[in-house]
Amino acid sequence: MHTALLIVLATALPCTAQAPPRQAVEARNGMVVCVSPPAADVGVAILKRGGNAVDAAIAVALAEAVTYPAAGNVGGGGFMLVWPGAGKEPVVFDYREKAPAASTADMFASGTDPFSSKVAGVPGTVRGLSLAHKRFGKLPWKELVLPAVALAEDGFELNAPLAQSLNQILADKKTTNAEFRRVYGKNGGADRWKAGDRLVLADLGKTLRAVAEEGPDAFYTGKLAELVEAEMKTGGGLITKSDLAKYEAKERKPIHGTYRGFDVYAPPPPSSGGVALVEMLNILETFDLKKHERYSPQTVHLMAEAMRRAYLDRARHLGDQDFVQVPDHLTRKEYAKKLAAGIDPAKATKSESLAPDIAITDGGTNTTHFSVADRDGMCVANTYTLENAYGCRVVVRGAGYILNNEMTDFNPKPGVTTRTGLIGTKPNQVAPGKRMLSSMTPTIMAKDGKPVLITGSPGGRTIINTMLCHVVNFVDYGMAAQALVDAPRMHHQWFPDRIAHEDFAGFPDLSAKLKAMDHTVTKHRQGDGHTIVIDPKTGTFYGAADIRIDGKAAGY
């Protein structure tokens, strides 16, 4: 058996976070791994009740809208990748937000306030979860929503990280929305939250109850739609009742690649994740990474060069596939071989030299991922977001939920691409009804027709490279579930032209050796990656909650 399929419980490699080592949670019947402990418990309860992985994923997503307000949401959007079971084709549910009909290409050219109603895209989460339920759900819709209703109406205890997060966001002078401060402030903002305090979200509970009892359409029509439109008029936003009524989630075919005998599935555009991940893996497949240690300068260099080239293609070609023709060659192995041939094994390529066709000038996100698996072979990788932590920090008055600020994911200044990372290429410029480009990359890997890895991550543009690190850790270096999640990660996104890495303290000479290869190197923390590894021989699940954040793996 391939070494990556040998499930070893020992933790390897130093970790990036100052936290006690965790062990992967082992289970045989079902597993949920997510950022919110109460939501993980909700998901396992649904599995025990006879629900499948999609049912559990829907319940987890809605529970996190209550218990993880920085990113869990009904006011945002994302992607759900479903492995339906043996002999069935994987499916992606695209519920990415859309630009309102009143949007224009240059609406952010003179600047963007990321904490205003104007940057809110039309939310997709409820429609996306509903579409997944219609396709694969087993339990009634209402049963999947009611746990979130109870958490909102009855309240839940804050853990220390969430209390600290709320205190920080409320202390920020940029958090000006009065309703946000009323809903999420303790005693109207007069006091600081502490672990053990109870947060009750009455208005959000009413919204979720309407969605449970009247169905998903209640979120997009009638009174709830009127509340959104009123909020937009007050705050200078663009979303109308018509925008909400017209929103549709889409069922799409995932991007499918192979890497050293493993099948890799991830979402297609408007996510850039699947295309970029498969392109990078195809490049790396031309090299024998196992000749070198995982954190050798040679391995890190080759990974950075693959990242550099894929992120250039991301900027050059990728956008909403309903608006942009995405070239087929990007995920072909023949193309990757040509790219790999241009990599100097001993020296960094200058990013600017790869793109003579793009004029280059000088010039914080919050997403969450969860993974679910059930005893019948169905698996779900779901990533969804509000964009920045707590989105645009605007709560819809009377509805109780936070709006996203996803419009900032469009390229804001047409034609302006900078060395600092601002992208202005045409495929991802604003247009009415268009879905903004995303880096969300919920990923499922399979071997011989059986799922073996379910993973994903938050972190803006770093997401795709977190997934690359997970796949390389798993396939090339045989790391077990917790070890592959805990291991330090790296990121290169074409511009800025630098390797941003987590703590390489266990490898003291690595940064110096990379600099000697002409790389610019800096430190940067990447997002958490809640992951399930499945032993294909026994069917045992190993759930790994990321030590970078206070998540939970729960199974039975």
Protein backbone atom coordinates (compact mmCIF):
# COMPACT_ATOMS: atom_id res chain seq x y z
CA MET A 1 0.00 0.00 0.00
CA HIS A 2 1.13 3.57 -0.72
CA THR A 3 2.78 5.14 2.32
CA ALA A 4 0.23 7.98 2.41
CA LEU A 5 -2.48 5.41 3.11
CA LEU A 6 -0.75 4.05 6.19
CA ILE A 7 -2.57 5.77 9.02
CA VAL A 8 0.00 6.53 11.69
CA LEU A 9 -1.24 8.30 14.80
CA ALA A 10 2.13 9.69 15.84
CA THR A 11 2.60 13.40 15.19
CA ALA A 12 5.55 14.38 13.03
CA LEU A 13 7.20 17.69 12.28
CA PRO A 14 7.14 20.82 14.38
CA CYS A 15 3.97 22.82 14.48
CA THR A 16 3.40 26.46 13.66
CA ALA A 17 1.14 27.29 16.58
CA GLN A 18 2.00 27.43 20.28
CA ALA A 19 -0.51 24.85 21.44
CA PRO A 20 -0.39 21.35 22.93
CA PRO A 21 -0.17 18.59 20.32
CA ARG A 22 -3.49 17.13 19.26
CA GLN A 23 -4.27 13.59 18.23
CA ALA A 24 -6.60 12.80 15.38
CA VAL A 25 -10.05 11.62 16.50
CA GLU A 26 -10.87 8.08 15.37
CA ALA A 27 -14.37 6.88 14.44
CA ARG A 28 -16.04 4.24 12.28
CA ASN A 29 -19.58 5.52 11.64
CA GLY A 30 -19.27 9.22 10.91
CA MET A 31 -17.03 12.24 11.35
CA VAL A 32 -17.42 16.02 11.40
CA VAL A 33 -14.43 18.38 11.65
CA CYS A 34 -15.05 22.11 11.85
CA VAL A 35 -14.06 25.31 13.59
CA SER A 36 -17.05 25.48 15.95
CA PRO A 37 -17.40 22.80 18.66
CA PRO A 38 -21.20 23.29 19.01
CA ALA A 39 -21.60 22.98 15.24
CA ALA A 40 -19.50 19.80 15.17
CA ASP A 41 -21.79 18.33 17.81
CA VAL A 42 -24.85 19.31 15.74
CA GLY A 43 -23.40 17.56 12.70
CA VAL A 44 -22.68 14.31 14.57
CA ALA A 45 -26.18 14.36 16.06
CA ILE A 46 -27.63 14.54 12.55
CA LEU A 47 -25.49 11.58 11.46
CA LYS A 48 -26.62 9.56 14.48
CA ARG A 49 -30.24 10.40 13.65
CA GLY A 50 -29.81 8.71 10.27
CA GLY A 51 -28.88 11.71 8.19
CA ASN A 52 -26.18 11.47 5.57
CA ALA A 53 -23.07 13.60 5.10
CA VAL A 54 -24.96 16.26 3.11
CA ASP A 55 -27.62 16.51 5.81
CA ALA A 56 -24.91 16.92 8.43
CA ALA A 57 -23.08 19.49 6.31
CA ILE A 58 -26.23 21.60 5.95
CA ALA A 59 -26.84 21.48 9.70
CA VAL A 60 -23.21 22.36 10.45
CA ALA A 61 -23.24 25.29 8.01
CA LEU A 62 -26.38 26.77 9.56
CA ALA A 63 -25.17 26.14 13.11
CA GLU A 64 -21.91 27.95 12.32
CA ALA A 65 -23.97 30.91 11.10
CA VAL A 66 -24.88 31.25 14.78
CA THR A 67 -21.79 30.00 16.63
CA TYR A 68 -18.99 31.25 14.37
CA PRO A 69 -20.16 34.68 13.18
CA ALA A 70 -16.74 35.72 11.86
CA ALA A 71 -17.24 33.43 8.86
CA GLY A 72 -20.15 31.05 9.37
CA ASN A 73 -23.06 32.58 7.58
CA VAL A 74 -26.35 32.83 5.80
CA GLY A 75 -25.30 36.24 4.47
CA GLY A 76 -22.35 34.98 2.40
CA GLY A 77 -21.60 32.13 0.04
CA GLY A 78 -19.25 29.32 -0.88
CA PHE A 79 -18.76 25.91 -2.45
CA MET A 80 -19.81 22.42 -1.39
CA LEU A 81 -18.03 19.43 -2.92
CA VAL A 82 -19.91 16.15 -2.51
CA TRP A 83 -18.57 12.64 -3.00
CA PRO A 84 -21.92 10.79 -3.29
CA GLY A 85 -20.52 7.30 -2.83
CA ALA A 86 -18.99 4.41 -4.73
CA GLY A 87 -19.54 4.52 -8.48
CA LYS A 88 -21.12 7.99 -8.44
CA GLU A 89 -19.64 11.16 -9.86
CA PRO A 90 -18.61 13.95 -7.44
CA VAL A 91 -20.64 17.16 -7.60
CA VAL A 92 -19.94 20.79 -6.72
CA PHE A 93 -22.66 23.12 -5.49
CA ASP A 94 -21.62 26.66 -6.34
CA TYR A 95 -23.33 29.17 -4.09
CA ARG A 96 -20.85 31.98 -4.54
CA GLU A 97 -22.29 35.48 -4.09
CA LYS A 98 -23.20 37.58 -7.13
CA ALA A 99 -22.76 41.24 -7.97
CA PRO A 100 -26.06 43.16 -7.75
CA ALA A 101 -27.66 44.31 -10.99
CA ALA A 102 -26.64 47.93 -10.33
CA SER A 103 -22.91 47.07 -10.23
CA THR A 104 -20.43 48.63 -12.68
CA ALA A 105 -16.91 47.63 -13.75
CA ASP A 106 -15.23 50.69 -12.25
CA MET A 107 -17.37 51.10 -9.12
CA PHE A 108 -14.33 50.55 -6.87
CA ALA A 109 -11.69 52.20 -9.03
CA SER A 110 -11.37 55.20 -6.73
CA GLY A 111 -11.24 53.12 -3.57
CA THR A 112 -13.24 50.70 -1.48
CA ASP A 113 -14.59 50.88 2.03
CA PRO A 114 -14.65 47.18 2.99
CA PHE A 115 -16.99 47.88 5.89
CA SER A 116 -19.99 49.36 4.14
CA SER A 117 -23.17 47.97 2.61
CA LYS A 118 -21.90 48.82 -0.88
CA VAL A 119 -19.45 45.89 -0.86
CA ALA A 120 -22.10 43.24 -0.09
CA GLY A 121 -22.78 40.72 -2.83
CA VAL A 122 -26.09 38.86 -3.17
CA PRO A 123 -25.89 36.04 -0.57
CA GLY A 124 -25.90 32.46 -1.82
CA THR A 125 -25.57 30.19 1.22
CA VAL A 126 -29.23 29.33 1.82
CA ARG A 127 -29.86 28.63 -1.88
CA GLY A 128 -26.72 26.49 -2.08
CA LEU A 129 -27.58 24.40 0.94
CA SER A 130 -31.11 24.01 -0.38
CA LEU A 131 -29.87 22.81 -3.77
CA ALA A 132 -27.58 20.25 -2.10
CA HIS A 133 -30.53 19.07 0.01
CA LYS A 134 -32.79 18.64 -3.02
CA ARG A 135 -30.09 16.58 -4.74
CA PHE A 136 -28.84 14.43 -1.88
CA GLY A 137 -30.70 15.20 1.37
CA LYS A 138 -32.20 12.37 3.38
CA LEU A 139 -33.77 14.03 6.41
CA PRO A 140 -36.44 16.76 6.09
CA TRP A 141 -35.07 20.27 5.55
CA LYS A 142 -36.72 21.58 8.72
CA GLU A 143 -34.90 19.05 10.90
CA LEU A 144 -31.57 20.31 9.56
CA VAL A 145 -32.32 23.98 10.29
CA LEU A 146 -33.88 23.67 13.74
CA PRO A 147 -30.63 22.96 15.64
CA ALA A 148 -29.33 26.35 14.45
CA VAL A 149 -32.64 27.94 15.46
CA ALA A 150 -32.24 26.57 18.97
CA LEU A 151 -28.64 27.80 19.24
CA ALA A 152 -29.73 31.31 18.19
CA GLU A 153 -32.94 31.57 20.23
CA ASP A 154 -31.69 29.85 23.40
CA GLY A 155 -28.15 31.14 23.08
CA PHE A 156 -24.85 29.32 23.43
CA GLU A 157 -21.78 29.67 25.62
CA LEU A 158 -18.85 31.56 24.16
CA ASN A 159 -15.48 29.88 24.23
CA ALA A 160 -12.38 31.97 24.86
CA PRO A 161 -11.39 32.45 21.17
CA LEU A 162 -14.85 33.66 20.16
CA ALA A 163 -15.10 35.99 23.16
CA GLN A 164 -11.72 37.46 22.26
CA SER A 165 -12.68 37.77 18.59
CA LEU A 166 -15.89 39.65 19.41
CA ASN A 167 -14.09 41.97 21.79
CA GLN A 168 -11.47 42.78 19.16
CA ILE A 169 -13.96 43.49 16.38
CA LEU A 170 -16.12 45.65 18.65
CA ALA A 171 -13.08 47.61 19.80
CA ASP A 172 -12.14 48.40 16.21
CA LYS A 173 -13.16 51.96 15.32
CA LYS A 174 -14.03 50.74 11.80
CA THR A 175 -16.92 48.74 13.26
CA THR A 176 -19.47 51.53 13.00
CA ASN A 177 -22.73 49.74 12.18
CA ALA A 178 -25.05 50.38 15.12
CA GLU A 179 -27.02 47.17 14.64
CA PHE A 180 -23.83 45.09 14.59
CA ARG A 181 -22.77 46.66 17.87
CA ARG A 182 -26.22 46.12 19.39
CA VAL A 183 -26.47 42.48 18.35
CA TYR A 184 -22.91 41.39 19.11
CA GLY A 185 -21.99 43.79 21.90
CA LYS A 186 -22.32 42.71 25.53
CA ASN A 187 -24.81 44.96 27.26
CA GLY A 188 -24.87 47.21 24.22
CA GLY A 189 -21.08 47.18 24.02
CA ALA A 190 -20.56 48.50 27.54
CA ASP A 191 -18.87 45.30 28.75
CA ARG A 192 -16.34 42.83 27.39
CA TRP A 193 -17.27 39.26 26.57
CA LYS A 194 -15.56 36.44 28.45
CA ALA A 195 -15.53 32.66 28.08
CA GLY A 196 -18.72 31.15 29.47
CA ASP A 197 -20.92 34.14 28.66
CA ARG A 198 -24.10 33.31 26.78
CA LEU A 199 -24.80 34.93 23.41
CA VAL A 200 -28.44 35.03 22.33
CA LEU A 201 -29.23 36.05 18.74
CA ALA A 202 -33.00 36.51 18.74
CA ASP A 203 -33.42 38.14 15.33
CA LEU A 204 -31.18 35.58 13.65
CA GLY A 205 -33.27 32.90 15.34
CA LYS A 206 -36.42 34.36 13.77
CA THR A 207 -34.78 34.38 10.34
CA LEU A 208 -33.63 30.78 10.68
CA ARG A 209 -37.05 29.71 11.97
CA ALA A 210 -38.67 31.23 8.89
CA VAL A 211 -36.19 29.36 6.69
CA ALA A 212 -36.97 26.14 8.60
CA GLU A 213 -40.76 26.43 8.57
CA GLU A 214 -41.41 28.25 5.28
CA GLY A 215 -38.50 26.83 3.30
CA PRO A 216 -35.38 28.37 1.73
CA ASP A 217 -37.39 30.79 -0.43
CA ALA A 218 -38.30 32.72 2.71
CA PHE A 219 -34.76 34.06 2.82
CA TYR A 220 -34.97 35.49 -0.71
CA THR A 221 -38.52 36.81 -0.87
CA GLY A 222 -41.15 38.53 1.26
CA LYS A 223 -40.35 40.20 4.55
CA LEU A 224 -36.72 39.08 4.79
CA ALA A 225 -35.95 40.41 1.32
CA GLU A 226 -37.64 43.70 2.24
CA LEU A 227 -35.40 43.98 5.30
CA VAL A 228 -32.29 43.58 3.14
CA GLU A 229 -33.47 46.17 0.62
CA ALA A 230 -34.22 48.61 3.45
CA GLU A 231 -30.73 48.04 4.86
CA MET A 232 -29.22 48.74 1.45
CA LYS A 233 -31.10 52.00 1.08
CA THR A 234 -29.96 53.13 4.51
CA GLY A 235 -26.33 52.14 4.05
CA GLY A 236 -25.81 52.95 0.37
CA GLY A 237 -25.74 49.31 -0.76
CA LEU A 238 -26.92 47.90 -4.08
CA ILE A 239 -28.81 44.67 -3.35
CA THR A 240 -32.51 44.79 -4.22
CA LYS A 241 -35.44 42.43 -3.69
CA SER A 242 -35.12 41.56 -7.37
CA ASP A 243 -31.45 40.60 -6.95
CA LEU A 244 -32.39 38.27 -4.10
CA ALA A 245 -35.34 36.70 -5.91
CA LYS A 246 -33.23 35.99 -9.01
CA TYR A 247 -30.29 34.42 -7.18
CA GLU A 248 -29.65 30.78 -8.13
CA ALA A 249 -27.06 28.33 -6.87
CA LYS A 250 -25.54 26.05 -9.50
CA GLU A 251 -24.61 22.41 -9.66
CA ARG A 252 -21.27 22.12 -11.45
CA LYS A 253 -18.84 19.43 -12.47
CA PRO A 254 -15.69 19.57 -10.32
CA ILE A 255 -12.20 20.01 -11.66
CA HIS A 256 -10.64 16.55 -11.75
CA GLY A 257 -6.94 15.86 -11.83
CA THR A 258 -4.60 13.06 -10.85
CA TYR A 259 -1.44 13.15 -8.77
CA ARG A 260 0.83 10.13 -8.49
CA GLY A 261 -2.08 7.71 -8.82
CA PHE A 262 -4.56 9.64 -6.67
CA ASP A 263 -7.69 11.34 -8.01
CA VAL A 264 -8.07 14.97 -6.95
CA TYR A 265 -11.40 16.82 -7.03
CA ALA A 266 -11.94 20.52 -6.30
CA PRO A 267 -14.36 23.26 -7.43
CA PRO A 268 -14.31 24.89 -10.88
CA PRO A 269 -14.58 28.62 -11.66
CA PRO A 270 -15.74 30.93 -10.21
CA SER A 271 -13.44 29.20 -7.74
CA SER A 272 -9.85 29.42 -8.91
CA GLY A 273 -8.96 26.63 -6.51
CA GLY A 274 -9.50 23.54 -8.61
CA VAL A 275 -7.72 24.81 -11.70
CA ALA A 276 -4.75 26.21 -9.79
CA LEU A 277 -4.38 23.18 -7.50
CA VAL A 278 -4.40 20.70 -10.37
CA GLU A 279 -2.01 22.87 -12.40
CA MET A 280 0.44 22.99 -9.49
CA LEU A 281 0.19 19.26 -8.85
CA ASN A 282 0.78 18.54 -12.53
CA ILE A 283 3.95 20.64 -12.41
CA LEU A 284 5.22 18.97 -9.24
CA GLU A 285 4.49 15.51 -10.63
CA THR A 286 7.33 16.04 -13.10
CA PHE A 287 9.77 16.21 -10.15
CA ASP A 288 10.74 13.52 -7.66
CA LEU A 289 10.00 15.40 -4.45
CA LYS A 290 10.78 12.41 -2.26
CA LYS A 291 14.43 12.70 -3.22
CA HIS A 292 14.49 15.59 -0.78
CA GLU A 293 13.16 16.12 2.74
CA ARG A 294 9.79 17.85 3.06
CA TYR A 295 11.36 21.05 4.37
CA SER A 296 14.49 21.00 2.28
CA PRO A 297 15.22 24.14 0.23
CA GLN A 298 14.81 22.06 -2.95
CA THR A 299 11.26 20.97 -2.11
CA VAL A 300 10.13 24.39 -0.93
CA HIS A 301 11.72 26.01 -4.00
CA LEU A 302 9.93 23.69 -6.42
CA MET A 303 6.61 24.22 -4.66
CA ALA A 304 7.08 28.00 -4.78
CA GLU A 305 7.86 27.89 -8.50
CA ALA A 306 4.73 25.83 -9.18
CA MET A 307 2.67 28.27 -7.12
CA ARG A 308 4.14 31.27 -8.93
CA ARG A 309 3.11 29.93 -12.35
CA ALA A 310 -0.36 28.79 -11.35
CA TYR A 311 -1.19 32.11 -9.69
CA LEU A 312 -0.09 33.96 -12.81
CA ASP A 313 -2.54 31.84 -14.81
CA ARG A 314 -5.15 32.56 -12.14
CA ALA A 315 -4.73 36.29 -12.76
CA ARG A 316 -4.51 35.95 -16.53
CA HIS A 317 -7.43 33.61 -17.19
CA LEU A 318 -9.81 32.88 -14.30
CA GLY A 319 -13.19 34.37 -13.52
CA ASP A 320 -16.86 33.39 -13.43
CA GLN A 321 -17.19 30.74 -16.13
CA ASP A 322 -20.66 32.05 -16.99
CA PHE A 323 -18.92 35.25 -18.16
CA VAL A 324 -15.40 34.14 -19.09
CA GLN A 325 -14.07 31.39 -21.35
CA VAL A 326 -11.57 29.50 -19.20
CA PRO A 327 -8.89 27.73 -21.29
CA ASP A 328 -8.94 23.94 -21.14
CA HIS A 329 -5.17 23.58 -21.28
CA LEU A 330 -4.54 24.89 -17.77
CA THR A 331 -5.20 21.52 -16.14
CA ARG A 332 -3.50 19.38 -18.79
CA LYS A 333 -0.30 17.55 -17.94
CA GLU A 334 1.30 18.50 -21.26
CA TYR A 335 0.98 22.17 -20.37
CA ALA A 336 2.42 21.55 -16.92
CA LYS A 337 5.44 19.84 -18.42
CA LYS A 338 6.17 22.96 -20.46
CA LEU A 339 5.89 25.11 -17.35
CA ALA A 340 8.10 22.74 -15.37
CA ALA A 341 10.76 22.90 -18.07
CA GLY A 342 11.12 26.62 -17.36
CA ILE A 343 11.93 26.10 -13.68
CA ASP A 344 15.57 26.47 -12.71
CA PRO A 345 16.10 23.91 -9.91
CA ALA A 346 18.68 26.15 -8.24
CA LYS A 347 17.32 29.67 -8.67
CA ALA A 348 14.04 31.57 -8.27
CA THR A 349 12.26 32.87 -11.35
CA LYS A 350 11.36 36.55 -11.27
CA SER A 351 7.57 36.82 -11.38
CA GLU A 352 7.60 39.81 -13.68
CA SER A 353 9.58 37.89 -16.31
CA LEU A 354 6.75 35.37 -16.73
CA ALA A 355 4.12 37.92 -17.78
CA PRO A 356 5.30 40.33 -20.48
CA ASP A 357 1.65 40.58 -21.61
CA ILE A 358 0.50 42.12 -18.30
CA ALA A 359 1.46 45.67 -17.42
CA ILE A 360 2.88 45.71 -13.90
CA THR A 361 3.03 48.88 -11.81
CA ASP A 362 4.07 49.71 -8.25
CA GLY A 363 1.52 50.21 -6.17
CA GLY A 364 -7.59 39.98 5.96
CA THR A 365 -9.99 37.49 5.11
CA ASN A 366 -12.20 35.17 7.12
CA THR A 367 -13.56 32.00 5.63
CA THR A 368 -14.22 28.63 7.23
CA HIS A 369 -14.07 25.05 6.06
CA PHE A 370 -15.57 21.85 7.40
CA SER A 371 -15.32 18.21 6.37
CA VAL A 372 -17.96 15.50 6.86
CA ALA A 373 -18.04 11.76 6.18
CA ASP A 374 -20.74 9.18 6.83
CA ARG A 375 -20.72 5.40 7.17
CA ASP A 376 -22.27 4.83 3.75
CA GLY A 377 -19.37 6.39 1.84
CA MET A 378 -20.73 9.90 1.26
CA CYS A 379 -18.28 12.73 1.96
CA VAL A 380 -18.59 16.51 1.93
CA ALA A 381 -15.94 19.21 1.78
CA ASN A 382 -17.54 22.63 2.29
CA THR A 383 -15.89 26.04 2.33
CA TYR A 384 -17.94 29.21 2.79
CA THR A 385 -17.22 32.79 3.74
CA LEU A 386 -18.14 36.37 4.50
CA GLU A 387 -14.75 37.47 3.05
CA ASN A 388 -13.26 39.62 5.84
CA ALA A 389 -13.83 38.62 9.45
CA TYR A 390 -17.50 39.44 10.12
CA GLY A 391 -17.93 40.47 6.47
CA CYS A 392 -18.75 44.14 6.03
CA ARG A 393 -19.70 44.30 9.74
CA VAL A 394 -23.26 45.24 8.84
CA VAL A 395 -26.15 43.34 10.45
CA VAL A 396 -29.47 43.45 8.59
CA ARG A 397 -31.83 45.13 11.02
CA GLY A 398 -34.67 42.82 11.98
CA ALA A 399 -33.07 39.80 10.29
CA GLY A 400 -30.05 39.49 12.58
CA TYR A 401 -27.45 38.22 10.13
CA ILE A 402 -24.15 39.69 8.97
CA LEU A 403 -23.65 40.66 5.34
CA ASN A 404 -20.59 39.67 3.35
CA ASN A 405 -18.11 42.07 1.75
CA GLU A 406 -17.39 39.80 -1.22
CA MET A 407 -17.51 42.55 -3.82
CA THR A 408 -13.94 43.28 -2.71
CA ASP A 409 -12.94 39.97 -4.34
CA PHE A 410 -13.46 41.46 -7.78
CA ASN A 411 -10.46 43.15 -9.40
CA PRO A 412 -11.15 46.73 -8.29
CA LYS A 413 -9.16 48.79 -10.82
CA PRO A 414 -9.52 47.59 -14.40
CA GLY A 415 -6.11 47.26 -16.05
CA VAL A 416 -4.09 47.97 -12.89
CA THR A 417 -1.89 45.10 -11.67
CA THR A 418 0.79 45.91 -9.12
CA ARG A 419 3.88 44.31 -7.62
CA THR A 420 2.16 44.45 -4.23
CA GLY A 421 -0.52 41.99 -5.33
CA LEU A 422 -3.39 44.13 -6.68
CA ILE A 423 -4.79 42.37 -9.76
CA GLY A 424 -6.56 44.30 -12.53
CA THR A 425 -6.91 41.73 -15.31
CA LYS A 426 -10.19 41.49 -17.20
CA PRO A 427 -11.60 38.03 -16.30
CA ASN A 428 -12.46 39.04 -12.74
CA GLN A 429 -13.68 42.59 -13.25
CA VAL A 430 -17.08 43.57 -11.84
CA ALA A 431 -20.20 42.97 -13.94
CA PRO A 432 -23.90 42.77 -12.98
CA GLY A 433 -24.89 39.25 -11.98
CA LYS A 434 -21.30 38.01 -12.08
CA ARG A 435 -19.80 35.83 -9.35
CA MET A 436 -16.51 37.15 -8.02
CA LEU A 437 -13.44 34.94 -8.32
CA SER A 438 -12.76 32.85 -5.25
CA SER A 439 -9.81 30.92 -3.85
CA MET A 440 -11.99 28.53 -1.85
CA THR A 441 -10.78 24.99 -2.52
CA PRO A 442 -12.76 22.27 -0.75
CA THR A 443 -10.89 19.16 -1.87
CA ILE A 444 -11.52 15.42 -1.92
CA MET A 445 -8.86 12.89 -2.92
CA ALA A 446 -9.54 9.28 -3.80
CA LYS A 447 -7.51 6.14 -4.45
CA ASP A 448 -8.91 3.24 -6.45
CA GLY A 449 -12.40 4.73 -6.30
CA LYS A 450 -12.40 5.26 -2.52
CA PRO A 451 -12.15 8.66 -0.79
CA VAL A 452 -9.04 8.98 1.37
CA LEU A 453 -8.69 12.71 2.11
CA ILE A 454 -11.34 15.40 2.71
CA THR A 455 -9.89 18.82 3.36
CA GLY A 456 -10.13 22.57 2.87
CA SER A 457 -9.10 25.85 4.47
CA PRO A 458 -9.82 29.56 4.89
CA GLY A 459 -7.21 32.23 4.20
CA GLY A 460 -7.97 34.22 1.04
CA ARG A 461 -5.45 33.59 -1.72
CA THR A 462 -3.42 31.34 0.60
CA ILE A 463 -6.20 28.70 0.53
CA ILE A 464 -5.08 26.99 -2.66
CA ASN A 465 -1.51 26.71 -1.44
CA THR A 466 -2.66 25.31 1.90
CA MET A 467 -4.37 22.58 -0.11
CA LEU A 468 -1.20 22.03 -2.13
CA CYS A 469 0.74 21.60 1.13
CA HIS A 470 -1.86 19.13 2.43
CA VAL A 471 -1.74 17.03 -0.74
CA VAL A 472 2.07 16.99 -0.88
CA ASN A 473 2.26 16.15 2.84
CA PHE A 474 -0.18 13.28 2.34
CA VAL A 475 0.96 11.79 -0.97
CA ASP A 476 4.67 12.50 -1.16
CA TYR A 477 5.58 12.38 2.52
CA GLY A 478 3.03 9.94 3.95
CA MET A 479 1.90 12.17 6.81
CA ALA A 480 -1.03 11.10 8.97
CA ALA A 481 -4.12 13.27 9.43
CA GLN A 482 -3.03 15.43 12.35
CA ALA A 483 0.56 15.72 11.19
CA LEU A 484 -0.34 16.91 7.69
CA VAL A 485 -2.66 19.55 9.14
CA ASP A 486 -0.24 20.75 11.80
CA ALA A 487 2.83 20.97 9.54
CA PRO A 488 4.05 24.49 8.61
CA ARG A 489 2.77 25.84 5.29
CA MET A 490 4.00 28.20 2.64
CA HIS A 491 2.51 30.50 0.02
CA HIS A 492 3.52 32.24 -3.20
CA GLN A 493 0.91 34.10 -5.25
CA TRP A 494 2.98 35.49 -8.18
CA PHE A 495 2.83 39.03 -6.73
CA PRO A 496 4.08 40.04 -4.23
CA ASP A 497 7.11 38.12 -5.48
CA ARG A 498 7.95 36.34 -2.24
CA ILE A 499 7.56 33.12 -0.30
CA ALA A 500 5.36 33.74 2.73
CA HIS A 501 5.79 30.90 5.19
CA GLU A 502 4.71 29.81 8.61
CA ASP A 503 7.24 29.21 11.39
CA PHE A 504 10.22 27.23 10.07
CA ALA A 505 11.81 27.21 13.54
CA GLY A 506 12.48 23.49 13.27
CA PHE A 507 14.51 24.11 10.11
CA PRO A 508 16.86 26.96 11.08
CA ASP A 509 18.83 27.13 7.82
CA LEU A 510 15.88 26.93 5.43
CA SER A 511 15.15 30.65 5.03
CA ALA A 512 18.81 31.49 4.46
CA LYS A 513 19.14 28.78 1.82
CA LEU A 514 16.01 30.01 0.02
CA LYS A 515 17.37 33.54 0.02
CA ALA A 516 20.58 32.19 -1.50
CA MET A 517 18.40 30.81 -4.32
CA ASP A 518 17.22 34.41 -4.92
CA HIS A 519 13.87 34.06 -3.14
CA THR A 520 12.44 36.82 -0.99
CA VAL A 521 11.19 35.20 2.21
CA THR A 522 8.77 36.47 4.86
CA LYS A 523 6.60 35.01 7.60
CA HIS A 524 2.83 34.75 7.23
CA ARG A 525 0.31 32.54 9.02
CA GLN A 526 -2.14 30.57 6.87
CA GLY A 527 -5.66 29.42 7.64
CA ASP A 528 -6.83 26.39 9.55
CA GLY A 529 -7.47 23.20 7.58
CA HIS A 530 -10.01 20.85 9.18
CA THR A 531 -9.42 17.46 7.60
CA ILE A 532 -10.58 13.84 7.51
CA VAL A 533 -8.32 10.98 6.41
CA ILE A 534 -10.02 7.66 5.65
CA ASP A 535 -8.22 4.32 5.80
CA PRO A 536 -9.41 2.60 2.60
CA LYS A 537 -8.88 -0.90 4.04
CA THR A 538 -10.83 -0.51 7.28
CA GLY A 539 -13.02 2.52 6.54
CA THR A 540 -11.83 4.16 9.76
CA PHE A 541 -12.10 7.95 9.87
CA TYR A 542 -9.34 10.09 11.34
CA GLY A 543 -10.55 13.63 12.01
CA ALA A 544 -7.92 16.33 12.48
CA ALA A 545 -9.01 19.72 13.84
CA ASP A 546 -6.39 22.37 13.17
CA ILE A 547 -4.36 23.56 16.16
CA ARG A 548 -4.21 27.05 14.61
CA ILE A 549 -7.74 27.62 15.88
CA ASP A 550 -10.08 26.15 18.48
CA GLY A 551 -11.92 23.66 16.29
CA LYS A 552 -13.28 20.18 16.96
CA ALA A 553 -13.26 16.76 15.37
CA ALA A 554 -16.31 14.79 16.46
CA GLY A 555 -17.16 11.25 15.42
CA TYR A 556 -18.90 8.11 16.55
